[in-house]
C-alpha cells in the first residue's frame, strides 16, 4: 500500500511509493542543480499521477489483435484537464502528459504577496466545457493554502465540479485551509512537512520551487 491517510485531514492522500520518496530526498537537497531539479519534479509528478488516477473508470472495448478479436478496456468518464498554477506548476505538466497524452492543459496565474502571504491572480484559462471535465490542479508546494484555495474557487466558478489537487510537499496549515474551504477536493502529496516559518515557507521543505525550477534563486 503506497497511500497513507491522516485522520486529521480526511481528504489528504500521502503517496509513499519508494521511488517518489527517494527522488523527493534528492529534490530537497540544496546542492541539487536546476537541471536535475526539473527532471525530478517531472518524474515525481508522473509517478504521483499514476497513483492519483487509480480510480478512473473503465469500460469494455473490442480490439482486433494480429490473431483474433478480444475484449480489452479503455478509460471512460470525464475528460481530463491539467491546470498548473503558474509558474511553478508548469514543472509538473510534461511528466503527467507523458502518462496521459490526451489530457488538455489550462493555466491559472497566481502569485503570493510576500507581505500579506495572500494570492494575487492575474490569469485564468481553461477549456470551456468545464462541467464535463475532471481537473488536476498542479503546484509543487502547498504552503499557506491561499493560492490553492483561490485556484480551486476559480475553477468552480467556471463550472468545474470534479477537482483533485496534486503537490509535492505540503504544510499542515495549507492542507487544513484547502480542506476546510473545499472538502470535496482530494489532496495528493508526496510529503506532509512539519510547519511554515515566519515568512510562509515550508519546513523542512525544498526552498522556493519556482526559483529552483527556473534558475532564478
N, C-alpha and C. Protein backbone atom coordinates (compact mmCIF):
# COMPACT_ATOMS: atom_id res chain seq x y z
N UNK A 1 0.85 -1.20 0.00
CA UNK A 1 0.00 0.00 0.00
C UNK A 1 0.89 1.24 0.00
N UNK A 2 0.74 2.09 -0.99
CA UNK A 2 1.59 3.27 -1.08
C UNK A 2 0.87 4.56 -0.71
N UNK A 3 -0.41 4.47 -0.33
CA UNK A 3 -1.17 5.64 0.06
C UNK A 3 -1.35 5.64 1.58
N UNK A 4 -0.96 6.75 2.21
CA UNK A 4 -1.13 6.90 3.66
C UNK A 4 -2.23 7.93 3.92
N UNK A 5 -3.13 7.59 4.82
CA UNK A 5 -4.20 8.50 5.22
C UNK A 5 -3.85 9.14 6.56
N UNK A 6 -4.35 10.35 6.78
CA UNK A 6 -4.13 11.07 8.03
C UNK A 6 -5.50 11.42 8.61
N UNK A 7 -5.78 10.95 9.82
CA UNK A 7 -7.11 11.13 10.40
C UNK A 7 -7.50 12.59 10.53
N UNK A 8 -6.51 13.46 10.74
CA UNK A 8 -6.78 14.88 10.90
C UNK A 8 -7.28 15.52 9.61
N UNK A 9 -6.87 14.96 8.47
CA UNK A 9 -7.23 15.52 7.16
C UNK A 9 -7.83 14.41 6.28
N UNK A 10 -9.13 14.19 6.35
CA UNK A 10 -9.75 13.08 5.60
C UNK A 10 -9.57 13.15 4.09
N UNK A 11 -9.40 14.36 3.54
CA UNK A 11 -9.27 14.49 2.08
C UNK A 11 -7.83 14.37 1.59
N UNK A 12 -6.89 14.10 2.51
CA UNK A 12 -5.47 14.05 2.17
C UNK A 12 -5.01 12.62 1.89
N UNK A 13 -4.25 12.46 0.80
CA UNK A 13 -3.60 11.18 0.49
C UNK A 13 -2.11 11.44 0.33
N UNK A 14 -1.28 10.80 1.16
CA UNK A 14 0.17 10.92 1.07
C UNK A 14 0.69 9.71 0.31
N UNK A 15 1.36 9.95 -0.81
CA UNK A 15 1.84 8.86 -1.66
C UNK A 15 3.24 8.47 -1.21
N UNK A 16 3.36 7.29 -0.62
CA UNK A 16 4.61 6.83 -0.01
C UNK A 16 5.39 5.87 -0.90
N UNK A 17 5.16 5.91 -2.19
CA UNK A 17 5.88 5.00 -3.09
C UNK A 17 7.39 5.20 -2.92
N UNK A 18 8.17 4.11 -2.82
CA UNK A 18 9.62 4.24 -2.60
C UNK A 18 10.33 5.12 -3.62
N UNK A 19 9.96 5.01 -4.89
CA UNK A 19 10.62 5.83 -5.91
C UNK A 19 10.35 7.32 -5.70
N UNK A 20 9.13 7.64 -5.31
CA UNK A 20 8.79 9.04 -5.06
C UNK A 20 9.58 9.56 -3.87
N UNK A 21 9.63 8.78 -2.80
CA UNK A 21 10.33 9.24 -1.60
C UNK A 21 11.84 9.38 -1.86
N UNK A 22 12.40 8.48 -2.64
CA UNK A 22 13.81 8.56 -2.99
C UNK A 22 14.11 9.84 -3.78
N UNK A 23 13.30 10.09 -4.80
CA UNK A 23 13.51 11.26 -5.65
C UNK A 23 13.25 12.55 -4.88
N UNK A 24 12.28 12.53 -3.97
CA UNK A 24 11.98 13.72 -3.18
C UNK A 24 13.16 14.11 -2.29
N UNK A 25 13.85 13.13 -1.76
CA UNK A 25 15.02 13.41 -0.92
C UNK A 25 16.10 14.14 -1.71
N UNK A 26 16.33 13.71 -2.94
CA UNK A 26 17.31 14.40 -3.79
C UNK A 26 16.81 15.80 -4.14
N UNK A 27 15.52 15.93 -4.35
CA UNK A 27 14.91 17.22 -4.67
C UNK A 27 15.11 18.23 -3.54
N UNK A 28 15.05 17.75 -2.31
CA UNK A 28 15.20 18.64 -1.15
C UNK A 28 16.62 19.19 -1.01
N UNK A 29 17.59 18.45 -1.49
CA UNK A 29 19.00 18.80 -1.30
C UNK A 29 19.31 20.16 -1.91
N UNK A 30 19.85 21.06 -1.13
CA UNK A 30 20.15 22.42 -1.62
C UNK A 30 21.21 22.42 -2.71
N UNK A 31 21.99 21.34 -2.81
CA UNK A 31 23.05 21.26 -3.82
C UNK A 31 22.55 20.71 -5.16
N UNK A 32 21.30 20.25 -5.22
CA UNK A 32 20.78 19.70 -6.48
C UNK A 32 20.67 20.80 -7.52
N UNK A 33 21.32 20.67 -8.68
CA UNK A 33 21.30 21.73 -9.69
C UNK A 33 19.94 21.86 -10.38
N UNK A 34 19.75 22.97 -11.05
CA UNK A 34 18.47 23.27 -11.70
C UNK A 34 18.04 22.17 -12.66
N UNK A 35 18.96 21.71 -13.52
CA UNK A 35 18.61 20.69 -14.50
C UNK A 35 18.07 19.43 -13.81
N UNK A 36 18.76 18.97 -12.79
CA UNK A 36 18.33 17.78 -12.07
C UNK A 36 17.03 18.02 -11.33
N UNK A 37 16.88 19.22 -10.76
CA UNK A 37 15.66 19.58 -10.05
C UNK A 37 14.46 19.48 -10.98
N UNK A 38 14.58 20.04 -12.19
CA UNK A 38 13.50 19.98 -13.18
C UNK A 38 13.14 18.54 -13.51
N UNK A 39 14.15 17.72 -13.74
CA UNK A 39 13.93 16.33 -14.10
C UNK A 39 13.21 15.58 -12.99
N UNK A 40 13.60 15.86 -11.75
CA UNK A 40 12.99 15.18 -10.60
C UNK A 40 11.54 15.59 -10.41
N UNK A 41 11.24 16.88 -10.55
CA UNK A 41 9.84 17.33 -10.44
C UNK A 41 9.00 16.65 -11.50
N UNK A 42 9.51 16.58 -12.71
CA UNK A 42 8.84 15.93 -13.83
C UNK A 42 8.56 14.46 -13.50
N UNK A 43 9.57 13.75 -12.99
CA UNK A 43 9.44 12.33 -12.72
C UNK A 43 8.50 12.07 -11.55
N UNK A 44 8.60 12.87 -10.49
CA UNK A 44 7.73 12.68 -9.33
C UNK A 44 6.28 12.94 -9.70
N UNK A 45 6.05 13.99 -10.50
CA UNK A 45 4.69 14.31 -10.92
C UNK A 45 4.07 13.14 -11.70
N UNK A 46 4.85 12.52 -12.58
CA UNK A 46 4.36 11.39 -13.35
C UNK A 46 4.01 10.22 -12.43
N UNK A 47 4.88 9.93 -11.48
CA UNK A 47 4.63 8.84 -10.54
C UNK A 47 3.42 9.12 -9.66
N UNK A 48 3.26 10.37 -9.26
CA UNK A 48 2.09 10.73 -8.45
C UNK A 48 0.80 10.61 -9.25
N UNK A 49 0.84 11.01 -10.51
CA UNK A 49 -0.35 10.91 -11.35
C UNK A 49 -0.76 9.45 -11.54
N UNK A 50 0.22 8.56 -11.60
CA UNK A 50 -0.08 7.13 -11.70
C UNK A 50 -0.95 6.68 -10.53
N UNK A 51 -0.62 7.16 -9.32
CA UNK A 51 -1.40 6.80 -8.13
C UNK A 51 -2.72 7.56 -8.09
N UNK A 52 -2.71 8.83 -8.50
CA UNK A 52 -3.90 9.68 -8.39
C UNK A 52 -4.99 9.30 -9.39
N UNK A 53 -4.64 8.53 -10.41
CA UNK A 53 -5.62 8.13 -11.42
C UNK A 53 -6.13 6.71 -11.20
N UNK A 54 -5.86 6.14 -10.04
CA UNK A 54 -6.22 4.75 -9.77
C UNK A 54 -7.72 4.51 -9.83
N UNK A 55 -8.52 5.57 -9.60
CA UNK A 55 -9.97 5.40 -9.55
C UNK A 55 -10.66 5.77 -10.87
N UNK A 56 -9.89 6.01 -11.92
CA UNK A 56 -10.52 6.30 -13.21
C UNK A 56 -11.34 5.10 -13.68
N UNK A 57 -12.50 5.39 -14.26
CA UNK A 57 -13.38 4.31 -14.70
C UNK A 57 -12.94 3.68 -16.00
N UNK A 58 -13.30 2.42 -16.18
CA UNK A 58 -13.00 1.68 -17.40
C UNK A 58 -14.29 1.11 -17.98
N UNK A 59 -14.31 0.93 -19.30
CA UNK A 59 -15.41 0.23 -19.93
C UNK A 59 -14.86 -0.70 -21.00
N UNK A 60 -15.59 -1.76 -21.34
CA UNK A 60 -15.09 -2.74 -22.31
C UNK A 60 -14.91 -2.11 -23.69
N UNK A 61 -13.92 -2.62 -24.41
CA UNK A 61 -13.67 -2.15 -25.77
C UNK A 61 -13.16 -3.33 -26.60
N UNK A 62 -13.81 -3.53 -27.75
CA UNK A 62 -13.37 -4.61 -28.62
C UNK A 62 -12.14 -4.18 -29.41
N UNK A 63 -11.16 -5.06 -29.51
CA UNK A 63 -9.94 -4.77 -30.26
C UNK A 63 -9.54 -6.03 -31.04
N UNK A 64 -8.97 -5.81 -32.21
CA UNK A 64 -8.54 -6.95 -33.03
C UNK A 64 -7.03 -7.06 -32.97
N UNK A 65 -6.55 -8.14 -32.40
CA UNK A 65 -5.12 -8.39 -32.36
C UNK A 65 -4.69 -8.98 -33.70
N UNK A 66 -3.40 -9.20 -33.92
CA UNK A 66 -2.98 -9.86 -35.17
C UNK A 66 -3.55 -11.26 -35.36
N UNK A 67 -4.12 -11.84 -34.27
CA UNK A 67 -4.60 -13.22 -34.35
C UNK A 67 -6.12 -13.34 -34.24
N UNK A 68 -6.77 -12.47 -33.45
CA UNK A 68 -8.22 -12.60 -33.26
C UNK A 68 -8.78 -11.36 -32.57
N UNK A 69 -10.09 -11.29 -32.51
CA UNK A 69 -10.74 -10.23 -31.76
C UNK A 69 -10.78 -10.59 -30.28
N UNK A 70 -10.67 -9.56 -29.43
CA UNK A 70 -10.77 -9.77 -27.99
C UNK A 70 -11.39 -8.54 -27.36
N UNK A 71 -11.69 -8.65 -26.09
CA UNK A 71 -12.27 -7.52 -25.36
C UNK A 71 -11.22 -6.98 -24.39
N UNK A 72 -10.89 -5.72 -24.56
CA UNK A 72 -10.00 -5.04 -23.62
C UNK A 72 -10.78 -4.00 -22.83
N UNK A 73 -10.10 -2.96 -22.41
CA UNK A 73 -10.75 -1.90 -21.64
C UNK A 73 -10.14 -0.56 -22.01
N UNK A 74 -10.93 0.49 -21.90
CA UNK A 74 -10.38 1.83 -22.07
C UNK A 74 -11.04 2.77 -21.07
N UNK A 75 -10.34 3.86 -20.80
CA UNK A 75 -10.81 4.80 -19.79
C UNK A 75 -12.08 5.48 -20.27
N UNK A 76 -13.04 5.57 -19.38
CA UNK A 76 -14.29 6.23 -19.69
C UNK A 76 -14.54 7.36 -18.69
N UNK A 77 -15.64 8.04 -18.87
CA UNK A 77 -16.00 9.09 -17.90
C UNK A 77 -15.54 10.45 -18.36
N UNK A 78 -15.28 11.32 -17.39
CA UNK A 78 -15.00 12.72 -17.67
C UNK A 78 -13.62 12.91 -18.30
N UNK A 79 -13.52 13.91 -19.16
CA UNK A 79 -12.26 14.24 -19.82
C UNK A 79 -11.31 14.91 -18.83
N UNK A 80 -10.02 14.62 -18.97
CA UNK A 80 -9.03 15.10 -18.02
C UNK A 80 -8.40 16.42 -18.47
N UNK A 81 -8.20 17.31 -17.52
CA UNK A 81 -7.52 18.57 -17.78
C UNK A 81 -6.53 18.85 -16.67
N UNK A 82 -5.30 19.18 -17.04
CA UNK A 82 -4.26 19.57 -16.09
C UNK A 82 -4.26 21.08 -15.98
N UNK A 83 -4.22 21.59 -14.75
CA UNK A 83 -4.21 23.04 -14.56
C UNK A 83 -3.06 23.42 -13.63
N UNK A 84 -1.89 23.74 -14.20
CA UNK A 84 -0.79 24.20 -13.35
C UNK A 84 -1.04 25.61 -12.84
N UNK A 85 -0.69 25.84 -11.59
CA UNK A 85 -0.68 27.19 -11.05
C UNK A 85 0.66 27.80 -11.42
N UNK A 86 0.64 28.87 -12.20
CA UNK A 86 1.87 29.49 -12.67
C UNK A 86 2.61 30.14 -11.51
N UNK A 87 3.96 30.05 -11.52
CA UNK A 87 4.72 29.44 -12.59
C UNK A 87 5.22 28.06 -12.24
N UNK A 88 5.35 27.76 -10.95
CA UNK A 88 5.99 26.52 -10.53
C UNK A 88 5.23 25.28 -10.98
N UNK A 89 3.90 25.37 -11.09
CA UNK A 89 3.12 24.23 -11.51
C UNK A 89 3.46 23.73 -12.90
N UNK A 90 4.06 24.59 -13.73
CA UNK A 90 4.46 24.19 -15.08
C UNK A 90 5.43 23.02 -15.06
N UNK A 91 6.24 22.94 -14.01
CA UNK A 91 7.23 21.88 -13.92
C UNK A 91 6.64 20.49 -13.78
N UNK A 92 5.35 20.41 -13.46
CA UNK A 92 4.70 19.11 -13.26
C UNK A 92 3.93 18.64 -14.48
N UNK A 93 3.76 19.50 -15.48
CA UNK A 93 2.85 19.20 -16.58
C UNK A 93 3.37 18.11 -17.51
N UNK A 94 4.60 18.23 -17.99
CA UNK A 94 5.09 17.33 -19.02
C UNK A 94 5.15 15.88 -18.55
N UNK A 95 5.53 15.67 -17.31
CA UNK A 95 5.59 14.31 -16.79
C UNK A 95 4.23 13.64 -16.81
N UNK A 96 3.19 14.38 -16.43
CA UNK A 96 1.84 13.81 -16.41
C UNK A 96 1.32 13.62 -17.83
N UNK A 97 1.67 14.55 -18.74
CA UNK A 97 1.24 14.40 -20.13
C UNK A 97 1.83 13.16 -20.79
N UNK A 98 3.02 12.76 -20.38
CA UNK A 98 3.59 11.52 -20.93
C UNK A 98 2.75 10.32 -20.53
N UNK A 99 2.12 10.41 -19.36
CA UNK A 99 1.27 9.34 -18.86
C UNK A 99 -0.14 9.44 -19.45
N UNK A 100 -0.62 10.68 -19.63
CA UNK A 100 -1.99 10.93 -20.12
C UNK A 100 -1.89 11.92 -21.28
N UNK A 101 -1.42 11.49 -22.44
CA UNK A 101 -1.15 12.44 -23.54
C UNK A 101 -2.40 13.12 -24.08
N UNK A 102 -3.59 12.56 -23.85
CA UNK A 102 -4.81 13.17 -24.37
C UNK A 102 -5.35 14.27 -23.46
N UNK A 103 -4.75 14.48 -22.31
CA UNK A 103 -5.25 15.49 -21.38
C UNK A 103 -5.07 16.89 -21.96
N UNK A 104 -6.04 17.76 -21.69
CA UNK A 104 -5.91 19.17 -22.04
C UNK A 104 -5.13 19.88 -20.94
N UNK A 105 -4.64 21.08 -21.23
CA UNK A 105 -3.89 21.86 -20.24
C UNK A 105 -4.47 23.26 -20.16
N UNK A 106 -4.94 23.64 -18.98
CA UNK A 106 -5.35 25.01 -18.71
C UNK A 106 -4.25 25.70 -17.91
N UNK A 107 -4.47 26.96 -17.55
CA UNK A 107 -3.48 27.69 -16.75
C UNK A 107 -4.18 28.64 -15.80
N UNK A 108 -3.64 28.72 -14.59
CA UNK A 108 -4.10 29.70 -13.61
C UNK A 108 -2.89 30.49 -13.14
N UNK A 109 -2.93 31.79 -13.32
CA UNK A 109 -1.82 32.65 -12.90
C UNK A 109 -2.07 33.25 -11.53
N UNK A 110 -1.28 32.84 -10.55
CA UNK A 110 -1.37 33.35 -9.18
C UNK A 110 0.04 33.56 -8.64
N UNK A 111 0.22 34.58 -7.85
CA UNK A 111 1.47 34.69 -7.10
C UNK A 111 1.14 35.13 -5.68
N UNK A 112 2.05 34.82 -4.78
CA UNK A 112 1.82 35.12 -3.37
C UNK A 112 2.47 36.42 -3.00
N UNK A 113 1.68 37.36 -2.49
CA UNK A 113 2.21 38.63 -2.00
C UNK A 113 3.09 38.34 -0.79
N UNK A 114 4.36 38.75 -0.86
CA UNK A 114 5.30 38.39 0.20
C UNK A 114 5.04 39.13 1.51
N UNK A 115 4.23 40.18 1.47
CA UNK A 115 3.89 40.89 2.71
C UNK A 115 2.66 40.30 3.39
N UNK A 116 1.60 40.07 2.60
CA UNK A 116 0.36 39.55 3.18
C UNK A 116 0.27 38.02 3.13
N UNK A 117 1.12 37.40 2.29
CA UNK A 117 1.12 35.95 2.04
C UNK A 117 -0.17 35.49 1.37
N UNK A 118 -0.98 36.42 0.84
CA UNK A 118 -2.22 36.08 0.18
C UNK A 118 -2.03 36.05 -1.34
N UNK A 119 -2.84 35.24 -2.05
CA UNK A 119 -2.66 35.11 -3.51
C UNK A 119 -3.19 36.33 -4.27
N UNK A 120 -2.49 36.65 -5.35
CA UNK A 120 -2.93 37.69 -6.27
C UNK A 120 -3.08 37.01 -7.64
N UNK A 121 -4.27 37.09 -8.26
CA UNK A 121 -4.49 36.40 -9.52
C UNK A 121 -4.30 37.34 -10.70
N UNK A 122 -3.78 36.80 -11.80
CA UNK A 122 -3.53 37.61 -12.98
C UNK A 122 -3.86 36.90 -14.28
N UNK A 123 -4.21 35.59 -14.24
CA UNK A 123 -4.51 34.88 -15.48
C UNK A 123 -5.36 33.65 -15.19
N UNK A 124 -6.34 33.38 -16.07
CA UNK A 124 -7.18 32.19 -15.92
C UNK A 124 -7.64 31.74 -17.30
N UNK A 125 -7.30 30.51 -17.68
CA UNK A 125 -7.71 29.97 -18.98
C UNK A 125 -7.85 28.45 -18.88
N UNK A 126 -9.08 27.96 -19.04
CA UNK A 126 -9.35 26.52 -19.03
C UNK A 126 -10.34 26.22 -20.15
N UNK A 127 -10.48 24.95 -20.56
CA UNK A 127 -11.46 24.61 -21.59
C UNK A 127 -12.87 25.06 -21.21
N UNK A 128 -13.67 25.41 -22.22
CA UNK A 128 -14.99 25.95 -21.96
C UNK A 128 -16.00 24.96 -21.43
N UNK A 129 -15.73 23.65 -21.61
CA UNK A 129 -16.68 22.63 -21.14
C UNK A 129 -16.29 22.11 -19.75
N UNK A 130 -16.01 23.04 -18.84
CA UNK A 130 -15.52 22.68 -17.50
C UNK A 130 -16.42 21.69 -16.76
N UNK A 131 -17.75 21.82 -16.83
CA UNK A 131 -18.59 20.87 -16.09
C UNK A 131 -18.43 19.42 -16.55
N UNK A 132 -17.94 19.22 -17.76
CA UNK A 132 -17.78 17.87 -18.30
C UNK A 132 -16.39 17.29 -18.04
N UNK A 133 -15.55 18.02 -17.34
CA UNK A 133 -14.15 17.62 -17.20
C UNK A 133 -13.77 17.29 -15.76
N UNK A 134 -12.70 16.51 -15.65
CA UNK A 134 -12.06 16.25 -14.36
C UNK A 134 -10.74 17.02 -14.36
N UNK A 135 -10.52 17.82 -13.32
CA UNK A 135 -9.37 18.71 -13.26
C UNK A 135 -8.35 18.23 -12.23
N UNK A 136 -7.07 18.28 -12.64
CA UNK A 136 -5.96 18.07 -11.73
C UNK A 136 -5.24 19.42 -11.60
N UNK A 137 -5.34 20.06 -10.44
CA UNK A 137 -4.62 21.30 -10.19
C UNK A 137 -3.22 20.94 -9.72
N UNK A 138 -2.21 21.58 -10.32
CA UNK A 138 -0.81 21.21 -10.07
C UNK A 138 -0.04 22.37 -9.47
N UNK A 139 0.66 22.11 -8.38
CA UNK A 139 1.56 23.09 -7.76
C UNK A 139 2.53 22.31 -6.88
N UNK A 140 3.84 22.49 -7.05
CA UNK A 140 4.78 21.70 -6.23
C UNK A 140 4.63 21.91 -4.73
N UNK A 141 4.17 23.10 -4.30
CA UNK A 141 4.12 23.42 -2.88
C UNK A 141 2.71 23.79 -2.45
N UNK A 142 2.29 23.28 -1.30
CA UNK A 142 1.04 23.72 -0.66
C UNK A 142 1.45 24.27 0.70
N UNK A 143 1.68 25.58 0.74
CA UNK A 143 2.23 26.22 1.94
C UNK A 143 1.11 26.80 2.81
N UNK A 144 0.77 28.07 2.59
CA UNK A 144 -0.33 28.67 3.36
C UNK A 144 -1.68 28.18 2.88
N UNK A 145 -1.75 27.73 1.65
CA UNK A 145 -3.01 27.25 1.08
C UNK A 145 -3.79 28.32 0.33
N UNK A 146 -3.33 29.56 0.38
CA UNK A 146 -4.07 30.64 -0.25
C UNK A 146 -4.22 30.48 -1.74
N UNK A 147 -3.12 30.16 -2.44
CA UNK A 147 -3.16 30.00 -3.88
C UNK A 147 -4.01 28.80 -4.28
N UNK A 148 -3.88 27.72 -3.53
CA UNK A 148 -4.65 26.51 -3.83
C UNK A 148 -6.15 26.77 -3.70
N UNK A 149 -6.55 27.42 -2.62
CA UNK A 149 -7.97 27.74 -2.42
C UNK A 149 -8.47 28.65 -3.53
N UNK A 150 -7.67 29.66 -3.89
CA UNK A 150 -8.07 30.59 -4.95
C UNK A 150 -8.21 29.88 -6.29
N UNK A 151 -7.28 28.97 -6.60
CA UNK A 151 -7.33 28.25 -7.87
C UNK A 151 -8.56 27.35 -7.95
N UNK A 152 -8.82 26.61 -6.89
CA UNK A 152 -9.99 25.72 -6.89
C UNK A 152 -11.28 26.54 -6.96
N UNK A 153 -11.33 27.65 -6.24
CA UNK A 153 -12.51 28.51 -6.29
C UNK A 153 -12.75 29.03 -7.70
N UNK A 154 -11.69 29.43 -8.38
CA UNK A 154 -11.82 29.93 -9.75
C UNK A 154 -12.34 28.83 -10.68
N UNK A 155 -11.86 27.61 -10.51
CA UNK A 155 -12.34 26.51 -11.34
C UNK A 155 -13.82 26.23 -11.08
N UNK A 156 -14.23 26.28 -9.83
CA UNK A 156 -15.64 26.04 -9.51
C UNK A 156 -16.52 27.14 -10.09
N UNK A 157 -16.05 28.37 -10.07
CA UNK A 157 -16.82 29.45 -10.69
C UNK A 157 -16.99 29.23 -12.19
N UNK A 158 -16.01 28.54 -12.80
CA UNK A 158 -16.08 28.24 -14.24
C UNK A 158 -16.94 27.02 -14.52
N UNK A 159 -17.44 26.37 -13.47
CA UNK A 159 -18.33 25.23 -13.64
C UNK A 159 -17.75 23.89 -13.29
N UNK A 160 -16.47 23.83 -12.93
CA UNK A 160 -15.85 22.55 -12.58
C UNK A 160 -16.46 21.99 -11.30
N UNK A 161 -16.69 20.70 -11.29
CA UNK A 161 -17.24 20.06 -10.09
C UNK A 161 -16.51 18.79 -9.71
N UNK A 162 -15.42 18.49 -10.41
CA UNK A 162 -14.61 17.30 -10.08
C UNK A 162 -13.15 17.72 -10.16
N UNK A 163 -12.54 17.96 -9.00
CA UNK A 163 -11.21 18.57 -8.93
C UNK A 163 -10.34 17.79 -7.95
N UNK A 164 -9.09 17.55 -8.34
CA UNK A 164 -8.09 16.98 -7.44
C UNK A 164 -6.89 17.92 -7.42
N UNK A 165 -6.19 17.94 -6.31
CA UNK A 165 -5.03 18.82 -6.16
C UNK A 165 -3.79 17.96 -5.95
N UNK A 166 -2.77 18.16 -6.79
CA UNK A 166 -1.52 17.40 -6.70
C UNK A 166 -0.38 18.34 -6.36
N UNK A 167 0.37 18.03 -5.30
CA UNK A 167 1.57 18.80 -4.97
C UNK A 167 2.63 17.87 -4.41
N UNK A 168 3.86 18.35 -4.39
CA UNK A 168 4.96 17.51 -3.91
C UNK A 168 5.09 17.57 -2.40
N UNK A 169 5.11 18.79 -1.86
CA UNK A 169 5.34 18.98 -0.43
C UNK A 169 4.28 19.93 0.12
N UNK A 170 3.70 19.58 1.26
CA UNK A 170 2.65 20.40 1.86
C UNK A 170 2.95 20.66 3.33
N UNK A 171 2.42 21.77 3.83
CA UNK A 171 2.45 22.08 5.26
C UNK A 171 1.06 21.82 5.83
N UNK A 172 0.98 21.42 7.10
CA UNK A 172 -0.34 21.17 7.70
C UNK A 172 -1.28 22.36 7.57
N UNK A 173 -0.74 23.58 7.67
CA UNK A 173 -1.59 24.78 7.58
C UNK A 173 -2.25 24.86 6.21
N UNK A 174 -1.50 24.58 5.15
CA UNK A 174 -2.06 24.65 3.81
C UNK A 174 -3.08 23.56 3.55
N UNK A 175 -2.78 22.34 4.00
CA UNK A 175 -3.73 21.24 3.84
C UNK A 175 -5.03 21.56 4.57
N UNK A 176 -4.90 22.07 5.80
CA UNK A 176 -6.08 22.40 6.58
C UNK A 176 -6.93 23.47 5.94
N UNK A 177 -6.28 24.49 5.40
CA UNK A 177 -7.01 25.59 4.77
C UNK A 177 -7.73 25.13 3.51
N UNK A 178 -7.06 24.34 2.67
CA UNK A 178 -7.68 23.85 1.45
C UNK A 178 -8.82 22.88 1.77
N UNK A 179 -8.58 22.01 2.74
CA UNK A 179 -9.59 21.03 3.11
C UNK A 179 -10.83 21.70 3.71
N UNK A 180 -10.64 22.76 4.46
CA UNK A 180 -11.77 23.47 5.06
C UNK A 180 -12.58 24.21 4.00
N UNK A 181 -11.87 24.86 3.06
CA UNK A 181 -12.56 25.63 2.02
C UNK A 181 -13.21 24.73 0.97
N UNK A 182 -12.55 23.60 0.66
CA UNK A 182 -13.03 22.71 -0.41
C UNK A 182 -12.91 21.25 0.04
N UNK A 183 -13.76 20.81 0.94
CA UNK A 183 -13.65 19.44 1.47
C UNK A 183 -13.89 18.36 0.42
N UNK A 184 -14.45 18.73 -0.72
CA UNK A 184 -14.71 17.76 -1.78
C UNK A 184 -13.50 17.50 -2.67
N UNK A 185 -12.42 18.24 -2.48
CA UNK A 185 -11.22 18.12 -3.30
C UNK A 185 -10.21 17.18 -2.64
N UNK A 186 -9.87 16.09 -3.32
CA UNK A 186 -8.83 15.19 -2.80
C UNK A 186 -7.47 15.83 -3.01
N UNK A 187 -6.65 15.79 -1.97
CA UNK A 187 -5.32 16.39 -2.00
C UNK A 187 -4.29 15.27 -2.01
N UNK A 188 -3.46 15.23 -3.05
CA UNK A 188 -2.39 14.24 -3.14
C UNK A 188 -1.05 14.93 -2.90
N UNK A 189 -0.26 14.40 -1.99
CA UNK A 189 1.06 14.97 -1.70
C UNK A 189 2.08 13.84 -1.63
N UNK A 190 3.35 14.20 -1.85
CA UNK A 190 4.43 13.24 -1.65
C UNK A 190 4.95 13.30 -0.22
N UNK A 191 4.75 14.45 0.44
CA UNK A 191 5.21 14.60 1.83
C UNK A 191 4.38 15.66 2.54
N UNK A 192 4.02 15.37 3.79
CA UNK A 192 3.40 16.36 4.67
C UNK A 192 4.48 16.81 5.65
N UNK A 193 4.98 18.02 5.45
CA UNK A 193 6.10 18.51 6.26
C UNK A 193 5.63 19.08 7.59
N UNK A 194 6.59 19.60 8.37
CA UNK A 194 6.33 19.95 9.76
C UNK A 194 5.50 21.20 9.94
N UNK A 195 5.91 22.30 9.30
CA UNK A 195 5.27 23.59 9.59
C UNK A 195 5.71 24.64 8.58
N UNK A 196 5.18 25.85 8.73
CA UNK A 196 5.62 27.02 7.99
C UNK A 196 6.50 27.88 8.87
N UNK A 197 7.48 28.57 8.25
CA UNK A 197 8.26 29.53 9.03
C UNK A 197 7.54 30.88 9.06
N UNK A 198 8.19 31.89 9.60
CA UNK A 198 7.54 33.19 9.80
C UNK A 198 7.20 33.91 8.51
N UNK A 199 7.84 33.51 7.40
CA UNK A 199 7.54 34.16 6.12
C UNK A 199 6.81 33.22 5.16
N UNK A 200 6.23 32.16 5.70
CA UNK A 200 5.37 31.30 4.91
C UNK A 200 6.04 30.24 4.08
N UNK A 201 7.30 29.90 4.37
CA UNK A 201 7.98 28.82 3.66
C UNK A 201 7.84 27.51 4.43
N UNK A 202 7.71 26.40 3.70
CA UNK A 202 7.54 25.10 4.33
C UNK A 202 8.85 24.62 4.93
N UNK A 203 8.78 24.07 6.14
CA UNK A 203 9.94 23.48 6.82
C UNK A 203 9.69 21.99 7.04
N UNK A 204 10.65 21.09 6.70
CA UNK A 204 11.94 21.40 6.11
C UNK A 204 11.87 21.83 4.65
N UNK A 205 10.83 21.42 3.93
CA UNK A 205 10.59 21.94 2.58
C UNK A 205 11.68 21.62 1.58
N UNK A 206 11.69 22.43 0.51
CA UNK A 206 12.73 22.28 -0.51
C UNK A 206 13.09 23.64 -1.11
N UNK A 207 12.77 24.71 -0.38
CA UNK A 207 13.06 26.04 -0.87
C UNK A 207 11.94 26.56 -1.76
N UNK A 208 12.24 27.57 -2.56
CA UNK A 208 11.26 28.13 -3.49
C UNK A 208 11.27 27.29 -4.76
N UNK A 209 10.22 26.51 -4.99
CA UNK A 209 10.19 25.58 -6.12
C UNK A 209 10.31 26.32 -7.46
N UNK A 210 9.65 27.47 -7.59
CA UNK A 210 9.73 28.22 -8.84
C UNK A 210 11.14 28.70 -9.13
N UNK A 211 11.80 29.23 -8.14
CA UNK A 211 13.18 29.70 -8.32
C UNK A 211 14.11 28.55 -8.67
N UNK A 212 13.90 27.41 -8.01
CA UNK A 212 14.79 26.28 -8.27
C UNK A 212 14.51 25.63 -9.62
N UNK A 213 13.27 25.67 -10.07
CA UNK A 213 12.92 25.12 -11.38
C UNK A 213 13.49 25.96 -12.52
N UNK A 214 13.43 27.29 -12.35
CA UNK A 214 13.75 28.17 -13.46
C UNK A 214 15.07 28.93 -13.27
N UNK A 215 15.82 28.55 -12.25
CA UNK A 215 17.15 29.11 -12.05
C UNK A 215 17.17 30.57 -11.68
N UNK A 216 16.15 31.03 -10.94
CA UNK A 216 16.07 32.44 -10.56
C UNK A 216 16.35 32.66 -9.09
N UNK A 217 16.89 31.65 -8.41
CA UNK A 217 17.19 31.82 -6.99
C UNK A 217 18.46 32.63 -6.82
